Amino acid sequence: MKNLVARLNGICDEQPYVTAWYVKNLLTGEQADRGGHMAFPSGSTRKVSIMMTILRAVNQGRLDLNEPILYEERLREGVVSGTFKFLTPGFTISLRDALVQMIIISDNVCTRMVMERTSLDELNEFCRAIGMNDTVHRTSIPRPDMPADHRLEEVTVISASDQGLLYDLILRGCTDAAAAAKLGCTSDQCAFAIEVLSWQKLRTKIASLLPADTRIAHKGGTGKRGRMDGGIVFRYGKPLFIVTGYTDQVPLEMPDGMPGYVSAFNTLGRLARACWDDIGNPEASGK
């Protein structure tokens, strides 16, 4: 992966902000990272481990995906992301549908519904159990007034390698009962998780420079300090690579006058595109 690592690091070196990444070539099993175990604000990438913790509880018989949840007025208080906050409370959805909305449009009304059926302690225990040792869940819903210069200790943190490990286990769990068991889930539940992640509607980061019809099972995030994304990229119906990327200390405005988040989006997109070109077409990449 020498050529790819050099290209990915070159993309990051161009930026005035902190960037970390993790990549796994699913054709060869090779892995690489830059700052792979550095703690970053997780943004909504944390929601993948939330989903898997819930599925584990379903597998244990403690929760039911068909459970109806009433959308109450209190659930939209302080919520910034998603669409449910604009809807009139009073209707019910299932826990399954709340999970889906939490992932595919990052809806935080639905995240609150989901979080009321687990706990921060349970989330952190799940992460420790599968080896996500850099990850610490600290909040149910992020504070809407969080300043851009907040401390890491005020938010949920994660690392690029931790998130890559999680995607790897979910993917392997689809066909490997032992990998699924490590997650506390069944292979069918892992396949369901991949399906939900592939329904992602927010495709402005790692998906942005890939062919429009590329299947990607992923979850991105927005933080006051940066942007982040990660997932499994497929080609010809088969998993090609896992990539996760995190940015931090992104300025509000870049030297050229463009918003910092636009640069972060582009950086994450370029990282994924470099992987696509190198792993998907090694001859063209110079291997």
Protein backbone atom coordinates (compact mmCIF):
# COMPACT_ATOMS: atom_id res chain seq x y z
CA MET A 1 0.00 0.00 0.00
CA LYS A 2 3.05 2.23 -0.18
CA ASN A 3 1.86 4.32 -3.13
CA LEU A 4 -1.62 4.73 -1.71
CA VAL A 5 -0.35 5.74 1.73
CA ALA A 6 1.88 8.39 0.15
CA ARG A 7 -1.04 9.75 -1.85
CA LEU A 8 -3.37 9.85 1.16
CA ASN A 9 -0.75 11.54 3.32
CA GLY A 10 -0.09 14.06 0.57
CA ILE A 11 -3.76 15.03 0.54
CA CYS A 12 -3.67 15.54 4.30
CA ASP A 13 -0.37 17.43 4.28
CA GLU A 14 -1.94 20.07 2.04
CA GLN A 15 -4.42 21.03 4.77
CA PRO A 16 -3.89 23.51 7.63
CA TYR A 17 -6.04 21.36 9.92
CA VAL A 18 -5.63 17.95 11.56
CA THR A 19 -6.64 14.93 9.49
CA ALA A 20 -6.54 11.21 10.27
CA TRP A 21 -7.55 8.21 8.22
CA TYR A 22 -7.74 4.43 8.24
CA VAL A 23 -7.93 2.19 5.16
CA LYS A 24 -8.31 -1.56 4.69
CA ASN A 25 -7.94 -3.14 1.28
CA LEU A 26 -10.62 -5.84 1.35
CA LEU A 27 -9.09 -7.66 -1.62
CA THR A 28 -5.74 -8.27 0.10
CA GLY A 29 -6.42 -7.61 3.78
CA GLU A 30 -3.73 -4.89 3.91
CA GLN A 31 -4.34 -2.03 6.37
CA ALA A 32 -2.82 1.40 6.90
CA ASP A 33 -3.59 4.55 8.84
CA ARG A 34 -2.50 8.09 9.64
CA GLY A 35 -3.10 9.04 13.26
CA GLY A 36 -5.28 5.98 13.44
CA HIS A 37 -5.56 5.97 17.23
CA MET A 38 -5.78 9.73 17.71
CA ALA A 39 -8.97 10.85 19.48
CA PHE A 40 -11.31 13.03 17.41
CA PRO A 41 -14.78 14.40 18.06
CA SER A 42 -16.99 11.65 16.70
CA GLY A 43 -19.87 13.70 15.37
CA SER A 44 -22.60 11.38 14.19
CA THR A 45 -20.18 8.60 13.25
CA ARG A 46 -20.86 7.46 16.84
CA LYS A 47 -24.30 6.35 15.67
CA VAL A 48 -22.92 3.19 14.07
CA SER A 49 -21.88 1.85 17.47
CA ILE A 50 -25.23 3.00 18.88
CA MET A 51 -27.05 1.00 16.21
CA MET A 52 -24.97 -2.11 16.89
CA THR A 53 -25.48 -1.80 20.65
CA ILE A 54 -29.24 -1.71 20.07
CA LEU A 55 -29.10 -4.71 17.74
CA ARG A 56 -27.11 -6.59 20.38
CA ALA A 57 -29.84 -5.83 22.93
CA VAL A 58 -32.45 -7.07 20.45
CA ASN A 59 -30.45 -10.29 20.01
CA GLN A 60 -30.34 -10.66 23.79
CA GLY A 61 -34.13 -10.30 23.96
CA ARG A 62 -34.01 -7.02 25.90
CA LEU A 63 -35.40 -4.87 23.09
CA ASP A 64 -37.83 -5.36 20.20
CA LEU A 65 -37.36 -3.58 16.86
CA ASN A 66 -41.15 -3.54 16.47
CA GLU A 67 -41.62 -1.55 19.68
CA PRO A 68 -43.76 1.53 18.92
CA ILE A 69 -42.31 4.87 20.04
CA LEU A 70 -44.49 7.93 20.50
CA TYR A 71 -43.03 11.14 19.11
CA GLU A 72 -43.49 13.57 21.99
CA GLU A 73 -42.86 17.31 22.02
CA ARG A 74 -40.00 16.93 24.53
CA LEU A 75 -38.02 14.82 22.05
CA ARG A 76 -37.33 17.75 19.73
CA GLU A 77 -36.13 20.17 22.38
CA GLY A 78 -32.54 21.22 21.68
CA VAL A 79 -32.32 19.09 18.51
CA VAL A 80 -30.41 20.58 15.59
CA SER A 81 -30.02 17.83 12.99
CA GLY A 82 -32.58 15.88 11.02
CA THR A 83 -36.13 16.45 9.82
CA PHE A 84 -38.32 15.13 12.62
CA LYS A 85 -37.90 18.34 14.61
CA PHE A 86 -40.04 20.05 11.94
CA LEU A 87 -42.86 17.50 12.18
CA THR A 88 -45.89 17.70 14.43
CA PRO A 89 -45.53 15.41 17.48
CA GLY A 90 -48.20 12.83 18.25
CA PHE A 91 -47.47 9.95 15.88
CA THR A 92 -45.60 6.70 16.53
CA ILE A 93 -42.79 4.94 14.71
CA SER A 94 -41.07 1.64 15.44
CA LEU A 95 -37.65 1.31 17.06
CA ARG A 96 -36.50 -0.18 13.75
CA ASP A 97 -37.56 2.94 11.86
CA ALA A 98 -35.99 5.22 14.46
CA LEU A 99 -32.69 3.37 13.91
CA VAL A 100 -33.00 3.83 10.16
CA GLN A 101 -33.69 7.57 10.41
CA MET A 102 -30.84 7.99 12.91
CA ILE A 103 -28.46 6.54 10.33
CA ILE A 104 -29.65 7.65 6.90
CA ILE A 105 -30.49 11.30 7.65
CA SER A 106 -28.77 11.54 11.07
CA ASP A 107 -32.04 12.56 12.71
CA ASN A 108 -31.44 13.45 16.35
CA VAL A 109 -35.08 13.23 17.43
CA CYS A 110 -34.80 9.58 16.43
CA THR A 111 -31.37 9.35 18.08
CA ARG A 112 -32.96 10.52 21.33
CA MET A 113 -35.68 7.88 20.94
CA VAL A 114 -33.00 5.23 20.48
CA MET A 115 -30.78 6.49 23.29
CA GLU A 116 -33.68 6.28 25.75
CA ARG A 117 -33.51 2.50 25.23
CA THR A 118 -29.82 2.14 26.07
CA SER A 119 -27.28 4.05 28.16
CA LEU A 120 -23.85 5.62 27.89
CA ASP A 121 -22.49 2.88 30.13
CA GLU A 122 -23.88 0.20 27.84
CA LEU A 123 -22.48 1.92 24.75
CA ASN A 124 -19.02 2.19 26.30
CA GLU A 125 -19.15 -1.43 27.47
CA PHE A 126 -20.01 -2.50 23.91
CA CYS A 127 -17.08 -0.54 22.49
CA ARG A 128 -14.63 -1.98 25.03
CA ALA A 129 -15.91 -5.50 24.35
CA ILE A 130 -15.11 -5.34 20.63
CA GLY A 131 -11.80 -3.48 20.97
CA MET A 132 -12.81 0.12 20.26
CA ASN A 133 -10.50 1.32 23.01
CA ASP A 134 -10.14 4.91 21.76
CA THR A 135 -13.90 5.53 21.78
CA VAL A 136 -15.76 7.17 24.69
CA HIS A 137 -19.48 7.97 24.49
CA ARG A 138 -20.20 10.99 26.66
CA THR A 139 -23.50 12.48 25.48
CA SER A 140 -26.91 11.32 24.36
CA ILE A 141 -27.56 14.36 22.18
CA PRO A 142 -24.90 17.04 21.54
CA ARG A 143 -25.46 20.44 23.11
CA PRO A 144 -26.81 22.86 20.48
CA ASP A 145 -24.74 25.69 21.99
CA MET A 146 -21.42 23.82 21.93
CA PRO A 147 -18.68 26.36 21.07
CA ALA A 148 -16.27 25.72 18.21
CA ASP A 149 -13.35 25.67 20.66
CA HIS A 150 -14.89 23.06 22.98
CA ARG A 151 -12.65 20.56 24.74
CA LEU A 152 -12.52 16.95 23.58
CA GLU A 153 -13.68 15.92 27.05
CA GLU A 154 -17.05 17.58 26.38
CA VAL A 155 -18.03 15.30 23.49
CA THR A 156 -18.00 11.70 22.37
CA VAL A 157 -14.60 10.84 20.89
CA ILE A 158 -13.51 8.15 18.47
CA SER A 159 -10.52 7.23 16.32
CA ALA A 160 -10.23 6.43 12.64
CA SER A 161 -8.94 2.93 13.44
CA ASP A 162 -11.73 2.25 15.95
CA GLN A 163 -14.39 3.10 13.39
CA GLY A 164 -12.60 1.01 10.78
CA LEU A 165 -12.55 -1.94 13.17
CA LEU A 166 -16.29 -1.61 13.72
CA TYR A 167 -17.05 -1.61 10.00
CA ASP A 168 -14.74 -4.57 9.50
CA LEU A 169 -16.50 -6.60 12.20
CA ILE A 170 -19.95 -5.76 10.85
CA LEU A 171 -18.94 -6.76 7.34
CA ARG A 172 -17.28 -10.00 8.43
CA GLY A 173 -20.23 -10.69 10.70
CA CYS A 174 -22.51 -11.00 7.65
CA THR A 175 -20.88 -14.32 6.74
CA ASP A 176 -18.83 -15.23 9.82
CA ALA A 177 -20.83 -16.26 12.88
CA ALA A 178 -17.82 -15.75 15.15
CA ALA A 179 -17.38 -12.13 14.04
CA ALA A 180 -21.11 -11.53 14.50
CA ALA A 181 -20.92 -13.11 17.96
CA LYS A 182 -18.12 -10.73 18.93
CA LEU A 183 -20.61 -7.92 18.25
CA GLY A 184 -23.24 -9.81 20.23
CA CYS A 185 -25.34 -10.01 17.07
CA THR A 186 -26.42 -12.52 14.44
CA SER A 187 -25.23 -12.58 10.85
CA ASP A 188 -28.69 -11.44 9.76
CA GLN A 189 -28.41 -8.41 12.05
CA CYS A 190 -25.00 -7.54 10.59
CA ALA A 191 -26.48 -7.78 7.09
CA PHE A 192 -29.34 -5.52 8.19
CA ALA A 193 -26.82 -2.98 9.53
CA ILE A 194 -24.93 -2.96 6.21
CA GLU A 195 -28.21 -2.50 4.35
CA VAL A 196 -29.25 0.46 6.52
CA LEU A 197 -25.82 2.09 6.20
CA SER A 198 -26.05 1.70 2.40
CA TRP A 199 -29.31 3.73 2.43
CA GLN A 200 -27.33 6.78 3.55
CA LYS A 201 -28.78 10.00 2.07
CA LEU A 202 -26.00 12.40 3.15
CA ARG A 203 -23.31 11.79 0.52
CA THR A 204 -21.28 15.01 0.58
CA LYS A 205 -18.08 13.52 2.03
CA ILE A 206 -16.49 10.16 1.14
CA ALA A 207 -19.16 9.49 -1.51
CA SER A 208 -18.79 12.87 -3.21
CA LEU A 209 -16.05 11.97 -5.73
CA LEU A 210 -16.98 8.34 -6.35
CA PRO A 211 -19.15 7.22 -9.28
CA ALA A 212 -22.75 8.20 -8.56
CA ASP A 213 -24.01 4.60 -8.49
CA THR A 214 -21.33 3.36 -6.05
CA ARG A 215 -22.75 1.40 -3.16
CA ILE A 216 -21.32 2.68 0.11
CA ALA A 217 -22.38 1.53 3.58
CA HIS A 218 -21.35 4.58 5.58
CA LYS A 219 -22.12 7.19 8.22
CA GLY A 220 -20.75 10.70 8.34
CA GLY A 221 -20.81 13.40 10.96
CA THR A 222 -20.74 17.12 11.59
CA GLY A 223 -18.92 18.66 14.52
CA LYS A 224 -18.16 22.19 15.64
CA ARG A 225 -14.45 21.44 15.11
CA GLY A 226 -14.56 19.40 11.91
CA ARG A 227 -16.24 16.88 9.65
CA MET A 228 -15.90 13.10 9.51
CA ASP A 229 -17.11 10.07 7.56
CA GLY A 230 -16.35 6.41 7.04
CA GLY A 231 -17.70 3.21 5.62
CA ILE A 232 -17.43 0.23 3.31
CA VAL A 233 -17.13 0.89 -0.43
CA PHE A 234 -18.38 -1.79 -2.83
CA ARG A 235 -17.55 -2.44 -6.47
CA TYR A 236 -19.31 -4.92 -8.76
CA GLY A 237 -21.41 -5.96 -5.78
CA LYS A 238 -18.42 -6.92 -3.63
CA PRO A 239 -16.71 -5.06 -0.77
CA LEU A 240 -13.62 -3.25 -2.11
CA PHE A 241 -12.24 -1.25 0.82
CA ILE A 242 -13.01 0.31 4.17
CA VAL A 243 -12.08 3.96 4.65
CA THR A 244 -12.61 6.29 7.59
CA GLY A 245 -11.56 9.92 7.79
CA TYR A 246 -11.64 12.52 10.55
CA THR A 247 -10.80 16.24 10.51
CA ASP A 248 -10.32 18.57 13.47
CA GLN A 249 -9.48 22.21 14.11
CA VAL A 250 -10.96 23.10 10.73
CA PRO A 251 -11.06 26.92 10.38
CA LEU A 252 -14.33 28.67 9.64
CA GLU A 253 -12.71 30.17 6.57
CA MET A 254 -9.84 28.90 4.47
CA PRO A 255 -7.08 31.19 3.13
CA ASP A 256 -8.83 31.30 -0.26
CA GLY A 257 -12.04 32.54 1.37
CA MET A 258 -13.96 29.28 1.07
CA PRO A 259 -15.71 27.87 4.16
CA GLY A 260 -13.62 25.40 6.10
CA TYR A 261 -16.29 22.72 5.95
CA VAL A 262 -16.11 22.75 2.14
CA SER A 263 -12.40 21.94 2.35
CA ALA A 264 -13.10 19.16 4.88
CA PHE A 265 -15.76 17.67 2.59
CA ASN A 266 -13.32 17.79 -0.32
CA THR A 267 -10.48 16.26 1.70
CA LEU A 268 -12.65 13.32 2.77
CA GLY A 269 -13.87 12.87 -0.79
CA ARG A 270 -10.33 12.89 -2.16
CA LEU A 271 -9.21 10.30 0.39
CA ALA A 272 -11.96 7.93 -0.72
CA ARG A 273 -11.32 8.61 -4.41
CA ALA A 274 -7.62 7.85 -4.00
CA CYS A 275 -8.55 4.49 -2.47
CA TRP A 276 -11.02 3.82 -5.28
CA ASP A 277 -8.41 4.56 -7.96
CA ASP A 278 -5.61 2.63 -6.26
CA ILE A 279 -7.42 -0.44 -4.94
CA GLY A 280 -10.06 -0.68 -7.66
CA ASN A 281 -7.65 -0.09 -10.53
CA PRO A 282 -4.11 -0.96 -9.42
CA GLU A 283 -2.63 -0.87 -12.93
CA ALA A 284 -3.73 2.74 -13.45
CA SER A 285 -2.29 3.69 -10.04
CA GLY A 286 1.20 2.54 -11.04
CA LYS A 287 1.39 -0.78 -9.18
